[in-house]
C-alpha atoms as a PDB file:
ATOM      1  CA  MET A   1     355.467 -29.658-101.674  1.00  0.00           C
ATOM      2  CA  VAL A   2     353.944 -27.406-104.333  1.00  0.00           C
ATOM      3  CA  LEU A   3     356.528 -26.234-106.856  1.00  0.00           C
ATOM      4  CA  LYS A   4     356.251 -23.333-109.264  1.00  0.00           C
ATOM      5  CA  TYR A   5     358.633 -24.886-111.778  1.00  0.00           C
ATOM      6  CA  ASN A   6     358.837 -28.590-112.564  1.00  0.00           C
ATOM      7  CA  ARG A   7     361.158 -28.500-115.586  1.00  0.00           C
ATOM      8  CA  VAL A   8     364.056 -26.041-115.672  1.00  0.00           C
ATOM      9  CA  LEU A   9     367.208 -25.233-117.604  1.00  0.00           C
ATOM     10  CA  LEU A  10     370.030 -24.196-115.281  1.00  0.00           C
ATOM     11  CA  LYS A  11     372.827 -22.123-116.818  1.00  0.00           C
ATOM     12  CA  LEU A  12     376.114 -21.982-114.908  1.00  0.00           C
ATOM     13  CA  SER A  13     379.286 -20.128-115.851  1.00  0.00           C
ATOM     14  CA  GLY A  14     382.552 -21.984-116.037  1.00  0.00           C
ATOM     15  CA  GLU A  15     384.160 -19.302-113.881  1.00  0.00           C
ATOM     16  CA  ALA A  16     381.715 -20.147-111.080  1.00  0.00           C
ATOM     17  CA  LEU A  17     383.293 -23.585-110.784  1.00  0.00           C
ATOM     18  CA  MET A  18     386.631 -22.025-109.847  1.00  0.00           C
ATOM     19  CA  GLY A  19     385.355 -20.923-106.453  1.00  0.00           C
ATOM     20  CA  GLU A  20     388.281 -19.200-104.789  1.00  0.00           C
ATOM     21  CA  LYS A  21     390.813 -20.578-107.259  1.00  0.00           C
ATOM     22  CA  ASP A  22     392.298 -18.806-110.259  1.00  0.00           C
ATOM     23  CA  TYR A  23     391.823 -21.692-112.688  1.00  0.00           C
ATOM     24  CA  GLY A  24     390.088 -25.048-113.014  1.00  0.00           C
ATOM     25  CA  PHE A  25     387.773 -26.488-110.373  1.00  0.00           C
ATOM     26  CA  ASP A  26     387.062 -25.894-106.728  1.00  0.00           C
ATOM     27  CA  SER A  27     385.772 -29.262-105.471  1.00  0.00           C
ATOM     28  CA  LYS A  28     383.938 -27.548-102.623  1.00  0.00           C
ATOM     29  CA  ARG A  29     382.003 -25.340-105.056  1.00  0.00           C
ATOM     30  CA  LEU A  30     381.218 -28.313-107.310  1.00  0.00           C
ATOM     31  CA  ALA A  31     379.919 -30.249-104.304  1.00  0.00           C
ATOM     32  CA  GLU A  32     377.742 -27.302-103.234  1.00  0.00           C
ATOM     33  CA  TYR A  33     376.213 -26.951-106.686  1.00  0.00           C
ATOM     34  CA  ALA A  34     375.686 -30.712-106.993  1.00  0.00           C
ATOM     35  CA  SER A  35     373.962 -30.784-103.597  1.00  0.00           C
ATOM     36  CA  GLN A  36     371.513 -28.060-104.645  1.00  0.00           C
ATOM     37  CA  ILE A  37     370.771 -29.815-107.934  1.00  0.00           C
ATOM     38  CA  SER A  38     370.275 -33.179-106.236  1.00  0.00           C
ATOM     39  CA  GLU A  39     367.958 -31.501-103.720  1.00  0.00           C
ATOM     40  CA  ILE A  40     365.487 -30.345-106.369  1.00  0.00           C
ATOM     41  CA  GLN A  41     365.812 -33.651-108.250  1.00  0.00           C
ATOM     42  CA  ASP A  42     364.566 -35.385-105.107  1.00  0.00           C
ATOM     43  CA  LEU A  43     361.405 -33.280-105.364  1.00  0.00           C
ATOM     44  CA  GLY A  44     360.804 -34.450-108.925  1.00  0.00           C
ATOM     45  CA  VAL A  45     362.094 -31.369-110.749  1.00  0.00           C
ATOM     46  CA  GLN A  46     363.419 -32.204-114.214  1.00  0.00           C
ATOM     47  CA  VAL A  47     366.731 -30.418-114.737  1.00  0.00           C
ATOM     48  CA  GLY A  48     368.736 -29.571-117.839  1.00  0.00           C
ATOM     49  CA  ILE A  49     372.116 -27.894-117.309  1.00  0.00           C
ATOM     50  CA  VAL A  50     374.433 -25.879-119.541  1.00  0.00           C
ATOM     51  CA  ILE A  51     377.878 -24.881-118.245  1.00  0.00           C
ATOM     52  CA  GLY A  52     380.374 -22.462-119.737  1.00  0.00           C
ATOM     53  CA  GLY A  53     384.059 -23.246-120.100  1.00  0.00           C
ATOM     54  CA  GLY A  54     385.693 -20.027-118.969  1.00  0.00           C
ATOM     55  CA  ASN A  55     387.444 -21.642-116.016  1.00  0.00           C
ATOM     56  CA  ILE A  56     389.551 -23.554-118.555  1.00  0.00           C
ATOM     57  CA  PHE A  57     389.494 -21.650-121.846  1.00  0.00           C
ATOM     58  CA  ARG A  58     387.491 -18.815-123.400  1.00  0.00           C
ATOM     59  CA  GLY A  59     387.313 -18.699-127.174  1.00  0.00           C
ATOM     60  CA  LEU A  60     387.218 -14.912-127.463  1.00  0.00           C
ATOM     61  CA  SER A  61     390.185 -14.422-125.153  1.00  0.00           C
ATOM     62  CA  GLY A  62     392.051 -17.016-127.198  1.00  0.00           C
ATOM     63  CA  VAL A  63     391.766 -14.771-130.233  1.00  0.00           C
ATOM     64  CA  HIS A  64     393.862 -12.160-128.430  1.00  0.00           C
ATOM     65  CA  ASP A  65     396.479 -14.829-127.760  1.00  0.00           C
ATOM     66  CA  GLY A  66     396.881 -15.729-131.419  1.00  0.00           C
ATOM     67  CA  PHE A  67     394.236 -18.426-131.957  1.00  0.00           C
ATOM     68  CA  ASP A  68     391.804 -17.967-134.826  1.00  0.00           C
ATOM     69  CA  ARG A  69     388.173 -17.533-133.736  1.00  0.00           C
ATOM     70  CA  ILE A  70     386.920 -20.908-134.918  1.00  0.00           C
ATOM     71  CA  SER A  71     389.732 -22.882-133.271  1.00  0.00           C
ATOM     72  CA  GLY A  72     389.323 -20.840-130.103  1.00  0.00           C
ATOM     73  CA  ASP A  73     385.579 -21.483-129.975  1.00  0.00           C
ATOM     74  CA  TYR A  74     386.061 -25.219-130.434  1.00  0.00           C
ATOM     75  CA  MET A  75     388.622 -25.222-127.630  1.00  0.00           C
ATOM     76  CA  GLY A  76     386.135 -23.403-125.419  1.00  0.00           C
ATOM     77  CA  MET A  77     383.418 -25.908-126.302  1.00  0.00           C
ATOM     78  CA  LEU A  78     385.731 -28.775-125.393  1.00  0.00           C
ATOM     79  CA  ALA A  79     386.238 -27.095-122.022  1.00  0.00           C
ATOM     80  CA  THR A  80     382.474 -27.301-121.405  1.00  0.00           C
ATOM     81  CA  VAL A  81     382.655 -31.087-121.836  1.00  0.00           C
ATOM     82  CA  ILE A  82     385.322 -31.305-119.132  1.00  0.00           C
ATOM     83  CA  ASN A  83     383.127 -29.195-116.847  1.00  0.00           C
ATOM     84  CA  GLY A  84     380.101 -31.325-117.638  1.00  0.00           C
ATOM     85  CA  LEU A  85     381.912 -34.538-116.754  1.00  0.00           C
ATOM     86  CA  ALA A  86     383.099 -32.981-113.488  1.00  0.00           C
ATOM     87  CA  LEU A  87     379.582 -31.869-112.517  1.00  0.00           C
ATOM     88  CA  GLN A  88     378.138 -35.252-113.493  1.00  0.00           C
ATOM     89  CA  ASN A  89     380.572 -36.922-111.103  1.00  0.00           C
ATOM     90  CA  PHE A  90     379.676 -34.620-108.206  1.00  0.00           C
ATOM     91  CA  ILE A  91     375.912 -34.923-108.754  1.00  0.00           C
ATOM     92  CA  ARG A  92     376.290 -38.690-108.566  1.00  0.00           C
ATOM     93  CA  ASN A  93     378.363 -38.307-105.405  1.00  0.00           C
ATOM     94  CA  ALA A  94     375.522 -36.230-103.939  1.00  0.00           C
ATOM     95  CA  GLY A  95     373.061 -39.040-104.579  1.00  0.00           C
ATOM     96  CA  GLY A  96     371.522 -37.642-107.755  1.00  0.00           C
ATOM     97  CA  LYS A  97     371.456 -39.001-111.283  1.00  0.00           C
ATOM     98  CA  ALA A  98     373.176 -37.171-114.148  1.00  0.00           C
ATOM     99  CA  ARG A  99     374.142 -37.782-117.754  1.00  0.00           C
ATOM    100  CA  VAL A 100     376.359 -35.708-120.042  1.00  0.00           C
ATOM    101  CA  LEU A 101     375.263 -35.191-123.643  1.00  0.00           C
ATOM    102  CA  THR A 102     377.401 -33.531-126.314  1.00  0.00           C
ATOM    103  CA  ALA A 103     376.377 -31.468-129.338  1.00  0.00           C
ATOM    104  CA  VAL A 104     378.758 -33.430-131.583  1.00  0.00           C
ATOM    105  CA  GLU A 105     379.722 -37.092-131.784  1.00  0.00           C
ATOM    106  CA  MET A 106     382.107 -37.801-128.919  1.00  0.00           C
ATOM    107  CA  LEU A 107     381.815 -41.456-127.964  1.00  0.00           C
ATOM    108  CA  PRO A 108     382.917 -42.947-125.637  1.00  0.00           C
ATOM    109  CA  VAL A 109     383.133 -39.666-123.674  1.00  0.00           C
ATOM    110  CA  ALA A 110     379.396 -39.012-123.816  1.00  0.00           C
ATOM    111  CA  GLU A 111     376.321 -39.665-125.909  1.00  0.00           C
ATOM    112  CA  ARG A 112     375.351 -37.201-128.619  1.00  0.00           C
ATOM    113  CA  TYR A 113     372.451 -34.867-127.869  1.00  0.00           C
ATOM    114  CA  THR A 114     369.016 -35.511-129.337  1.00  0.00           C
ATOM    115  CA  LYS A 115     365.661 -34.305-128.089  1.00  0.00           C
ATOM    116  CA  THR A 116     364.448 -37.902-127.865  1.00  0.00           C
ATOM    117  CA  VAL A 117     367.327 -38.978-125.628  1.00  0.00           C
ATOM    118  CA  THR A 118     366.886 -35.849-123.523  1.00  0.00           C
ATOM    119  CA  SER A 119     363.172 -36.461-122.989  1.00  0.00           C
ATOM    120  CA  HIS A 120     363.820 -40.070-121.975  1.00  0.00           C
ATOM    121  CA  LEU A 121     366.560 -39.152-119.497  1.00  0.00           C
ATOM    122  CA  LEU A 122     364.492 -36.355-117.936  1.00  0.00           C
ATOM    123  CA  SER A 123     361.544 -38.730-117.497  1.00  0.00           C
ATOM    124  CA  GLN A 124     363.892 -41.151-115.728  1.00  0.00           C
ATOM    125  CA  GLY A 125     364.996 -38.514-113.227  1.00  0.00           C
ATOM    126  CA  TYR A 126     368.404 -37.675-114.695  1.00  0.00           C
ATOM    127  CA  ALA A 127     369.881 -34.194-114.678  1.00  0.00           C
ATOM    128  CA  VAL A 128     370.876 -33.783-118.324  1.00  0.00           C
ATOM    129  CA  ILE A 129     374.099 -31.829-118.776  1.00  0.00           C
ATOM    130  CA  PHE A 130     374.295 -30.329-122.272  1.00  0.00           C
ATOM    131  CA  THR A 131     377.890 -29.758-123.391  1.00  0.00           C
ATOM    132  CA  PHE A 132     379.867 -28.554-126.421  1.00  0.00           C
ATOM    133  CA  GLY A 133     377.600 -25.529-126.768  1.00  0.00           C
ATOM    134  CA  THR A 134     375.427 -25.545-129.880  1.00  0.00           C
ATOM    135  CA  GLY A 135     378.133 -27.491-131.716  1.00  0.00           C
ATOM    136  CA  ASN A 136     378.992 -24.427-133.791  1.00  0.00           C
ATOM    137  CA  PRO A 137     381.549 -21.630-133.413  1.00  0.00           C
ATOM    138  CA  TYR A 138     380.433 -18.003-132.940  1.00  0.00           C
ATOM    139  CA  PHE A 139     377.672 -18.979-130.495  1.00  0.00           C
ATOM    140  CA  THR A 140     377.955 -18.539-126.740  1.00  0.00           C
ATOM    141  CA  THR A 141     376.909 -20.955-124.030  1.00  0.00           C
ATOM    142  CA  ASP A 142     374.134 -18.468-123.194  1.00  0.00           C
ATOM    143  CA  THR A 143     372.725 -19.173-126.653  1.00  0.00           C
ATOM    144  CA  ALA A 144     373.203 -22.904-126.096  1.00  0.00           C
ATOM    145  CA  ALA A 145     371.276 -22.581-122.819  1.00  0.00           C
ATOM    146  CA  ALA A 146     368.411 -20.749-124.517  1.00  0.00           C
ATOM    147  CA  LEU A 147     368.339 -23.287-127.359  1.00  0.00           C
ATOM    148  CA  ARG A 148     368.364 -26.345-125.102  1.00  0.00           C
ATOM    149  CA  GLY A 149     365.843 -24.711-122.775  1.00  0.00           C
ATOM    150  CA  VAL A 150     363.405 -24.186-125.641  1.00  0.00           C
ATOM    151  CA  GLU A 151     364.036 -27.680-127.045  1.00  0.00           C
ATOM    152  CA  MET A 152     363.393 -29.413-123.702  1.00  0.00           C
ATOM    153  CA  ASN A 153     360.258 -27.299-123.105  1.00  0.00           C
ATOM    154  CA  ALA A 154     361.673 -25.834-119.915  1.00  0.00           C
ATOM    155  CA  GLU A 155     359.332 -23.599-117.947  1.00  0.00           C
ATOM    156  CA  VAL A 156     362.137 -21.209-117.043  1.00  0.00           C
ATOM    157  CA  LEU A 157     365.828 -20.586-117.695  1.00  0.00           C
ATOM    158  CA  LEU A 158     367.686 -20.148-114.418  1.00  0.00           C
ATOM    159  CA  LYS A 159     370.928 -18.242-114.731  1.00  0.00           C
ATOM    160  CA  GLY A 160     372.966 -19.026-111.635  1.00  0.00           C
ATOM    161  CA  THR A 161     375.559 -16.354-110.891  1.00  0.00           C
ATOM    162  CA  ARG A 162     377.469 -14.986-107.911  1.00  0.00           C
ATOM    163  CA  VAL A 163     375.189 -11.924-107.787  1.00  0.00           C
ATOM    164  CA  ASP A 164     371.640 -11.993-106.382  1.00  0.00           C
ATOM    165  CA  GLY A 165     369.969 -10.573-109.481  1.00  0.00           C
ATOM    166  CA  VAL A 166     370.166  -7.872-112.126  1.00  0.00           C
ATOM    167  CA  TYR A 167     371.231  -4.362-111.136  1.00  0.00           C
ATOM    168  CA  THR A 168     371.385  -0.976-112.818  1.00  0.00           C
ATOM    169  CA  ALA A 169     375.185  -1.370-112.757  1.00  0.00           C
ATOM    170  CA  ASP A 170     377.725  -3.927-111.565  1.00  0.00           C
ATOM    171  CA  PRO A 171     377.050  -4.090-107.785  1.00  0.00           C
ATOM    172  CA  GLU A 172     380.608  -5.319-107.198  1.00  0.00           C
ATOM    173  CA  LYS A 173     381.917  -2.062-108.657  1.00  0.00           C
ATOM    174  CA  GLU A 174     379.106   0.439-108.069  1.00  0.00           C
ATOM    175  CA  LYS A 175     377.852   0.722-104.479  1.00  0.00           C
ATOM    176  CA  ASN A 176     374.768   2.705-105.509  1.00  0.00           C
ATOM    177  CA  ALA A 177     373.571   0.098-108.019  1.00  0.00           C
ATOM    178  CA  VAL A 178     369.865  -0.708-107.664  1.00  0.00           C
ATOM    179  CA  LYS A 179     368.476  -4.218-108.029  1.00  0.00           C
ATOM    180  CA  PHE A 180     365.513  -5.039-110.274  1.00  0.00           C
ATOM    181  CA  ASP A 181     362.941  -7.524-108.981  1.00  0.00           C
ATOM    182  CA  GLU A 182     361.360  -7.902-112.411  1.00  0.00           C
ATOM    183  CA  LEU A 183     362.014  -6.712-115.967  1.00  0.00           C
ATOM    184  CA  THR A 184     360.664  -7.290-119.451  1.00  0.00           C
ATOM    185  CA  PHE A 185     363.039  -8.424-122.175  1.00  0.00           C
ATOM    186  CA  ASP A 186     362.544  -5.091-123.941  1.00  0.00           C
ATOM    187  CA  GLU A 187     363.340  -3.109-120.787  1.00  0.00           C
ATOM    188  CA  ALA A 188     366.516  -5.101-120.205  1.00  0.00           C
ATOM    189  CA  TYR A 189     367.586  -4.546-123.804  1.00  0.00           C
ATOM    190  CA  SER A 190     366.784  -0.807-123.855  1.00  0.00           C
ATOM    191  CA  ARG A 191     368.730  -0.308-120.626  1.00  0.00           C
ATOM    192  CA  GLY A 192     371.724  -2.136-122.084  1.00  0.00           C
ATOM    193  CA  LEU A 193     371.843  -4.604-119.194  1.00  0.00           C
ATOM    194  CA  GLN A 194     374.429  -7.344-119.749  1.00  0.00           C
ATOM    195  CA  ILE A 195     372.354 -10.368-118.765  1.00  0.00           C
ATOM    196  CA  MET A 196     372.779 -12.668-121.761  1.00  0.00           C
ATOM    197  CA  ASP A 197     373.940 -12.134-125.308  1.00  0.00           C
ATOM    198  CA  LEU A 198     371.368 -10.766-127.759  1.00  0.00           C
ATOM    199  CA  THR A 199     370.907 -14.048-129.646  1.00  0.00           C
ATOM    200  CA  ALA A 200     370.065 -15.908-126.432  1.00  0.00           C
ATOM    201  CA  PHE A 201     367.851 -13.088-125.209  1.00  0.00           C
ATOM    202  CA  THR A 202     365.897 -12.959-128.468  1.00  0.00           C
ATOM    203  CA  MET A 203     365.377 -16.722-128.469  1.00  0.00           C
ATOM    204  CA  CYS A 204     363.997 -16.601-124.928  1.00  0.00           C
ATOM    205  CA  LYS A 205     361.697 -13.700-125.755  1.00  0.00           C
ATOM    206  CA  GLU A 206     360.343 -15.208-128.969  1.00  0.00           C
ATOM    207  CA  ASN A 207     359.665 -18.560-127.308  1.00  0.00           C
ATOM    208  CA  ASN A 208     358.190 -17.147-124.077  1.00  0.00           C
ATOM    209  CA  LEU A 209     360.940 -18.649-121.949  1.00  0.00           C
ATOM    210  CA  PRO A 210     361.338 -16.476-118.833  1.00  0.00           C
ATOM    211  CA  VAL A 211     364.771 -15.996-117.289  1.00  0.00           C
ATOM    212  CA  ILE A 212     365.596 -15.756-113.589  1.00  0.00           C
ATOM    213  CA  VAL A 213     369.020 -14.451-112.590  1.00  0.00           C
ATOM    214  CA  PHE A 214     369.917 -15.485-109.043  1.00  0.00           C
ATOM    215  CA  ASP A 215     372.815 -16.160-106.684  1.00  0.00           C
ATOM    216  CA  MET A 216     373.697 -19.833-107.055  1.00  0.00           C
ATOM    217  CA  ASN A 217     376.461 -19.513-104.474  1.00  0.00           C
ATOM    218  CA  GLN A 218     373.928 -19.029-101.685  1.00  0.00           C
ATOM    219  CA  LYS A 219     372.968 -22.498-100.489  1.00  0.00           C
ATOM    220  CA  GLY A 220     369.270 -23.199-100.826  1.00  0.00           C
ATOM    221  CA  ASN A 221     368.581 -20.560-103.464  1.00  0.00           C
ATOM    222  CA  LEU A 222     367.949 -23.053-106.255  1.00  0.00           C
ATOM    223  CA  LEU A 223     365.238 -24.676-104.160  1.00  0.00           C
ATOM    224  CA  LYS A 224     363.730 -21.269-103.376  1.00  0.00           C
ATOM    225  CA  VAL A 225     363.552 -20.437-107.072  1.00  0.00           C
ATOM    226  CA  VAL A 226     361.733 -23.635-108.085  1.00  0.00           C
ATOM    227  CA  LYS A 227     359.329 -23.160-105.162  1.00  0.00           C
ATOM    228  CA  GLY A 228     358.478 -19.719-106.515  1.00  0.00           C
ATOM    229  CA  GLU A 229     359.932 -17.716-103.640  1.00  0.00           C
ATOM    230  CA  LYS A 230     361.092 -14.231-104.570  1.00  0.00           C
ATOM    231  CA  THR A 231     364.771 -14.747-105.323  1.00  0.00           C
ATOM    232  CA  GLY A 232     366.859 -12.904-107.892  1.00  0.00           C
ATOM    233  CA  THR A 233     365.450 -11.031-110.876  1.00  0.00           C
ATOM    234  CA  LEU A 234     362.736 -12.301-113.235  1.00  0.00           C
ATOM    235  CA  ILE A 235     362.884 -11.293-116.911  1.00  0.00           C
ATOM    236  CA  LYS A 236     359.845 -12.116-119.020  1.00  0.00           C
ATOM    237  CA  GLY A 237     357.472 -10.827-121.674  1.00  0.00           C
END
């Protein structure tokens, strides 16, 4: 099978792992995601993954509850490690190989991230799950995804969401919202489209890392994306 992308960075939100629940994990959703990831691994696609932590704790929301920003961000980053360990378990259950890396020293929970370790694991067929964000407060997991994507020389950053692309407005709130098939980074910025934070967006643009926003909740979509089928919205240039 001819694939368009052979090395990808998949960005998932923590909230996506909740499925129909209000907090934590939905094992059915985790199994569905793991199945899709294992499916493209079987085709030889090298996969890096960054997950948010919003299903457990969000640093910015913690500020409103009385936590200082730095403590809140560290709590949110710890939540991404929990999510990473959960996804690692389900990918293994699905027959794939996965390894969690952390941005800070956290043995025996997981090995610390380095580019060398990442390259070795990818070459051995492991999905590498990057956790604890960038290791620094004030940076989002979108920025961590862009950073790790550039560092691992990914061909594309895949942002898996519950919406099938980028629209002129939130399609869940605005019925007349129009979907974009393709955008440039500058067009997305000038239109004020909330795709990723500006730091992440700038890093992708400056390093020629295209972004595809697609519906990860639709089974088979991840495979369609790596095959190059028109799915979601492509942002490049």
